[in-house]
Amino acid sequence: MTSKLIKFAQKRCISSTPSTFNMYDPRVFREPVSDVNQLAKPLDSADDRNFLFVKAMKSDSTPVFYRDSVIDKLVRVCTKDGEKETSRRNVLGALEIIKRRQYKAWAKASDEEKKNITVNPFEISRKAIKNCRPLMKLQGVTRGGTTYQVPFPIEEPEAEFRAMKMLRDICRARARHGETHFKDILATELIAASQNEGATIHAKQELHKTCEANRAYAHYRA
C-alpha cells in the first residue's frame, strides 16, 4: 500500500512552468494603445490591430489627463481598511495643495526663477517617488541557526512600492501624532522628496547605510 502511494505522489507532481494561455489568445489579441500622442495618429497599414482584437486596457493605464499610473498605485498603497475612496480623496487633496503652493511660489518668483519651478503636481509626485526608490533591501537569511540581515538588489517595481510604503508610513505617523491632516503632510513630503529632501529621503539613505554595513553577509544570498 505504501509503495502505491509513493508512486501516485511521484506522478502527481505540481508543475512550476508558467501558463501557456490566458483569456487573451496571443494569436488573436494585441496590446492596446495607451499613449495619448499615439492615439492622435492613425495606425500604420501593416499594424495587426487594424484587423485583430485589442486587449482590454488596464484601469491605471487609461490615457486621460486626470489619471496617472503612479498616482493610482499611491492611492492603493495608502488605502486602509478597504476605504479606497477616502485614500483617493486624501491623495488628490495632496495634489491640489501641491498645485496651490507651487503656483504661489511661481507667481512670486522672477522670470528666471519661474523656469525652474514645476507647477504640475503629477510631475512633482512622480519625481518625488522616483527619488525615494531604494536601491537595496534587507532580507533575513538563516545560516547555522542564526538569521542574518542580508542586502539584496531590488527590482524597479518593488523599489517603487517600497518608496510609496515608506512615504505612507511616515505621513501616517505624523498624522497620528496630531501634527496636521494626512493630505497636508503628504503634500509637504512629496514636495520635499522631489528636491531630494525630507524624512522619506532620509529613511532611504539610512536603509542604504544599513545595507552597506551588512555587506559582509552578501555571500549568503545564494
Protein backbone atom coordinates (compact mmCIF):
# COMPACT_ATOMS: atom_id res chain seq x y z
CA MET A 1 0.00 0.00 0.00
CA THR A 2 2.82 2.36 0.86
CA SER A 3 4.62 1.75 -2.44
CA LYS A 4 1.41 2.56 -4.35
CA LEU A 5 1.06 5.90 -2.53
CA ILE A 6 4.68 6.79 -3.29
CA LYS A 7 4.19 6.03 -6.99
CA PHE A 8 0.96 8.09 -7.01
CA ALA A 9 2.69 11.03 -5.33
CA GLN A 10 5.51 10.89 -7.85
CA LYS A 11 3.02 11.04 -10.71
CA ARG A 12 1.06 13.92 -9.08
CA CYS A 13 3.94 16.40 -9.14
CA ILE A 14 3.00 20.08 -9.27
CA SER A 15 4.04 21.89 -12.42
CA SER A 16 6.14 25.03 -11.92
CA THR A 17 6.03 26.19 -15.55
CA PRO A 18 4.03 29.34 -16.39
CA SER A 19 0.64 29.01 -18.05
CA THR A 20 0.76 28.85 -21.82
CA PHE A 21 -2.57 30.57 -22.47
CA ASN A 22 -4.67 33.18 -20.71
CA MET A 23 -8.00 34.79 -21.52
CA TYR A 24 -6.35 36.69 -24.40
CA ASP A 25 -5.15 34.37 -27.13
CA PRO A 26 -1.90 35.93 -28.45
CA ARG A 27 -2.85 34.79 -31.96
CA VAL A 28 -5.99 36.94 -31.91
CA PHE A 29 -5.39 39.80 -29.42
CA ARG A 30 -2.88 42.65 -29.46
CA GLU A 31 -1.83 45.22 -26.85
CA PRO A 32 -3.91 48.43 -26.73
CA VAL A 33 -2.55 51.91 -27.45
CA SER A 34 -2.20 53.74 -24.13
CA ASP A 35 -0.11 56.73 -25.20
CA VAL A 36 -2.06 59.94 -25.85
CA ASN A 37 0.24 61.06 -28.69
CA GLN A 38 -0.07 57.71 -30.45
CA LEU A 39 -3.87 57.79 -30.14
CA ALA A 40 -3.95 61.03 -32.13
CA LYS A 41 -2.16 59.34 -35.05
CA PRO A 42 -3.70 56.74 -37.39
CA LEU A 43 -2.46 53.18 -37.21
CA ASP A 44 0.10 52.01 -39.71
CA SER A 45 -1.36 49.97 -42.55
CA ALA A 46 0.82 46.99 -41.53
CA ASP A 47 -0.30 47.12 -37.87
CA ASP A 48 -2.07 43.94 -36.73
CA ARG A 49 -4.54 45.98 -34.69
CA ASN A 50 -6.30 47.01 -37.92
CA PHE A 51 -7.86 43.57 -38.29
CA LEU A 52 -7.32 41.78 -34.91
CA PHE A 53 -8.90 42.23 -31.49
CA VAL A 54 -7.36 44.53 -28.87
CA LYS A 55 -6.95 43.62 -25.19
CA ALA A 56 -8.96 45.49 -22.57
CA MET A 57 -6.99 48.43 -21.23
CA LYS A 58 -5.99 48.39 -17.58
CA SER A 59 -7.64 50.99 -15.38
CA ASP A 60 -4.33 52.53 -14.30
CA SER A 61 -3.08 52.91 -17.89
CA THR A 62 -6.10 54.78 -19.29
CA PRO A 63 -4.81 57.71 -21.40
CA VAL A 64 -6.84 60.51 -19.83
CA PHE A 65 -5.49 63.71 -18.30
CA TYR A 66 -6.92 63.07 -14.82
CA ARG A 67 -5.45 59.56 -14.40
CA ASP A 68 -1.84 58.70 -13.70
CA SER A 69 -0.49 55.19 -13.12
CA VAL A 70 1.90 56.26 -10.34
CA ILE A 71 -0.84 58.20 -8.51
CA ASP A 72 -3.23 55.25 -8.84
CA LYS A 73 -0.60 52.99 -7.24
CA LEU A 74 -0.10 55.52 -4.45
CA VAL A 75 -3.85 55.52 -3.81
CA ARG A 76 -3.83 51.74 -3.47
CA VAL A 77 -0.82 51.79 -1.16
CA CYS A 78 -2.42 54.44 1.07
CA THR A 79 -5.73 52.56 1.28
CA LYS A 80 -6.57 51.45 4.82
CA ASP A 81 -9.38 49.07 5.88
CA GLY A 82 -10.68 48.94 2.30
CA GLU A 83 -11.60 52.63 2.23
CA LYS A 84 -10.19 53.38 -1.20
CA GLU A 85 -12.33 56.45 -1.81
CA THR A 86 -11.01 58.03 1.37
CA SER A 87 -7.48 57.30 0.23
CA ARG A 88 -8.22 58.76 -3.20
CA ARG A 89 -9.61 61.95 -1.68
CA ASN A 90 -6.51 62.31 0.51
CA VAL A 91 -4.08 61.79 -2.37
CA LEU A 92 -5.96 64.08 -4.76
CA GLY A 93 -6.27 66.64 -1.96
CA ALA A 94 -2.50 66.49 -1.52
CA LEU A 95 -2.04 67.09 -5.25
CA GLU A 96 -4.32 70.13 -5.04
CA ILE A 97 -2.27 71.51 -2.14
CA ILE A 98 0.93 70.99 -4.14
CA LYS A 99 -0.61 72.82 -7.09
CA ARG A 100 -1.60 75.79 -4.92
CA ARG A 101 1.77 76.01 -3.16
CA GLN A 102 3.77 75.74 -6.35
CA TYR A 103 1.60 78.31 -8.12
CA LYS A 104 2.07 80.79 -5.26
CA ALA A 105 5.83 80.27 -5.44
CA TRP A 106 5.69 80.67 -9.22
CA ALA A 107 3.66 83.89 -9.00
CA LYS A 108 6.14 85.47 -6.58
CA ALA A 109 9.25 84.36 -8.49
CA SER A 110 11.15 86.34 -11.09
CA ASP A 111 11.14 85.45 -14.77
CA GLU A 112 14.38 83.49 -14.43
CA GLU A 113 13.21 81.62 -11.32
CA LYS A 114 9.88 80.68 -12.93
CA LYS A 115 11.70 78.42 -15.40
CA ASN A 116 12.90 76.20 -12.53
CA ILE A 117 9.53 75.95 -10.74
CA THR A 118 7.33 72.98 -11.65
CA VAL A 119 3.62 73.59 -11.13
CA ASN A 120 2.28 70.22 -12.37
CA PRO A 121 1.57 68.12 -9.22
CA PHE A 122 1.67 64.85 -11.14
CA GLU A 123 5.19 65.58 -12.37
CA ILE A 124 6.30 66.56 -8.85
CA SER A 125 4.82 63.37 -7.38
CA ARG A 126 6.45 61.12 -9.98
CA LYS A 127 9.82 62.77 -9.40
CA ALA A 128 9.42 62.52 -5.61
CA ILE A 129 8.59 58.80 -5.67
CA LYS A 130 11.45 58.16 -8.10
CA ASN A 131 13.86 59.91 -5.73
CA CYS A 132 12.60 57.78 -2.82
CA ARG A 133 13.21 54.43 -4.54
CA PRO A 134 15.75 52.35 -2.59
CA LEU A 135 18.48 50.51 -4.49
CA MET A 136 18.83 47.67 -1.95
CA LYS A 137 16.73 45.85 0.61
CA LEU A 138 17.48 43.77 3.71
CA GLN A 139 16.19 40.21 3.87
CA GLY A 140 16.63 37.67 6.62
CA VAL A 141 18.68 34.59 5.73
CA THR A 142 19.20 31.80 8.29
CA ARG A 143 22.54 30.02 8.36
CA GLY A 144 23.57 27.68 11.16
CA GLY A 145 20.67 28.67 13.38
CA THR A 146 21.48 32.40 13.07
CA THR A 147 19.45 34.84 10.99
CA TYR A 148 21.46 37.46 9.12
CA GLN A 149 20.09 40.63 7.53
CA VAL A 150 21.48 40.25 4.03
CA PRO A 151 21.40 43.10 1.48
CA PHE A 152 19.74 42.20 -1.81
CA PRO A 153 19.40 44.23 -5.02
CA ILE A 154 15.85 45.33 -5.67
CA GLU A 155 13.77 45.37 -8.85
CA GLU A 156 12.19 48.60 -10.06
CA PRO A 157 8.50 47.70 -9.36
CA GLU A 158 9.32 46.61 -5.80
CA ALA A 159 11.51 49.68 -5.30
CA GLU A 160 8.60 51.91 -6.30
CA PHE A 161 6.28 50.07 -3.91
CA ARG A 162 8.74 50.34 -1.03
CA ALA A 163 9.19 54.07 -1.72
CA MET A 164 5.41 54.60 -1.54
CA LYS A 165 5.19 52.46 1.58
CA MET A 166 7.91 54.46 3.37
CA LEU A 167 6.20 57.69 2.32
CA ARG A 168 2.83 56.43 3.56
CA ASP A 169 4.15 55.21 6.92
CA ILE A 170 5.95 58.48 7.63
CA CYS A 171 2.87 60.55 6.78
CA ARG A 172 0.61 58.30 8.87
CA ALA A 173 2.93 58.51 11.87
CA ARG A 174 2.94 62.30 11.73
CA ALA A 175 -0.83 62.49 11.26
CA ARG A 176 -1.33 60.09 14.19
CA HIS A 177 0.63 62.43 16.45
CA GLY A 178 -1.75 65.25 15.58
CA GLU A 179 0.61 67.48 13.61
CA THR A 180 -1.93 68.09 10.82
CA HIS A 181 -4.10 66.23 8.30
CA PHE A 182 -2.71 63.38 6.22
CA LYS A 183 -3.11 65.19 2.90
CA ASP A 184 -1.18 68.24 4.15
CA ILE A 185 1.69 66.06 5.39
CA LEU A 186 1.69 64.08 2.14
CA ALA A 187 1.86 67.25 0.06
CA THR A 188 4.76 68.61 2.14
CA GLU A 189 6.65 65.32 1.93
CA LEU A 190 6.16 64.99 -1.83
CA ILE A 191 7.46 68.50 -2.47
CA ALA A 192 10.46 67.86 -0.21
CA ALA A 193 11.20 64.47 -1.80
CA SER A 194 11.08 65.99 -5.29
CA GLN A 195 14.02 68.15 -4.14
CA ASN A 196 15.84 65.17 -2.55
CA GLU A 197 14.91 66.33 0.94
CA GLY A 198 12.53 65.24 3.67
CA ALA A 199 12.01 62.32 6.01
CA THR A 200 11.42 59.72 3.27
CA ILE A 201 14.73 60.54 1.58
CA HIS A 202 16.41 60.31 4.97
CA ALA A 203 14.82 56.89 5.58
CA LYS A 204 16.09 55.68 2.20
CA GLN A 205 19.59 56.89 2.99
CA GLU A 206 19.52 55.15 6.38
CA LEU A 207 18.46 51.92 4.66
CA HIS A 208 21.39 52.22 2.25
CA LYS A 209 23.76 52.79 5.18
CA THR A 210 22.47 49.66 6.91
CA CYS A 211 22.86 47.66 3.69
CA GLU A 212 26.41 48.97 3.37
CA ALA A 213 27.16 47.96 6.98
CA ASN A 214 25.81 44.44 6.31
CA ARG A 215 27.62 43.90 3.02
CA ALA A 216 29.84 41.29 4.70
CA TYR A 217 26.80 38.96 4.64
CA ALA A 218 26.28 39.37 0.89
CA HIS A 219 27.70 35.89 0.20
CA TYR A 220 24.63 34.41 1.94
CA ARG A 221 22.37 35.42 -0.98
CA ALA A 222 22.77 32.10 -2.79
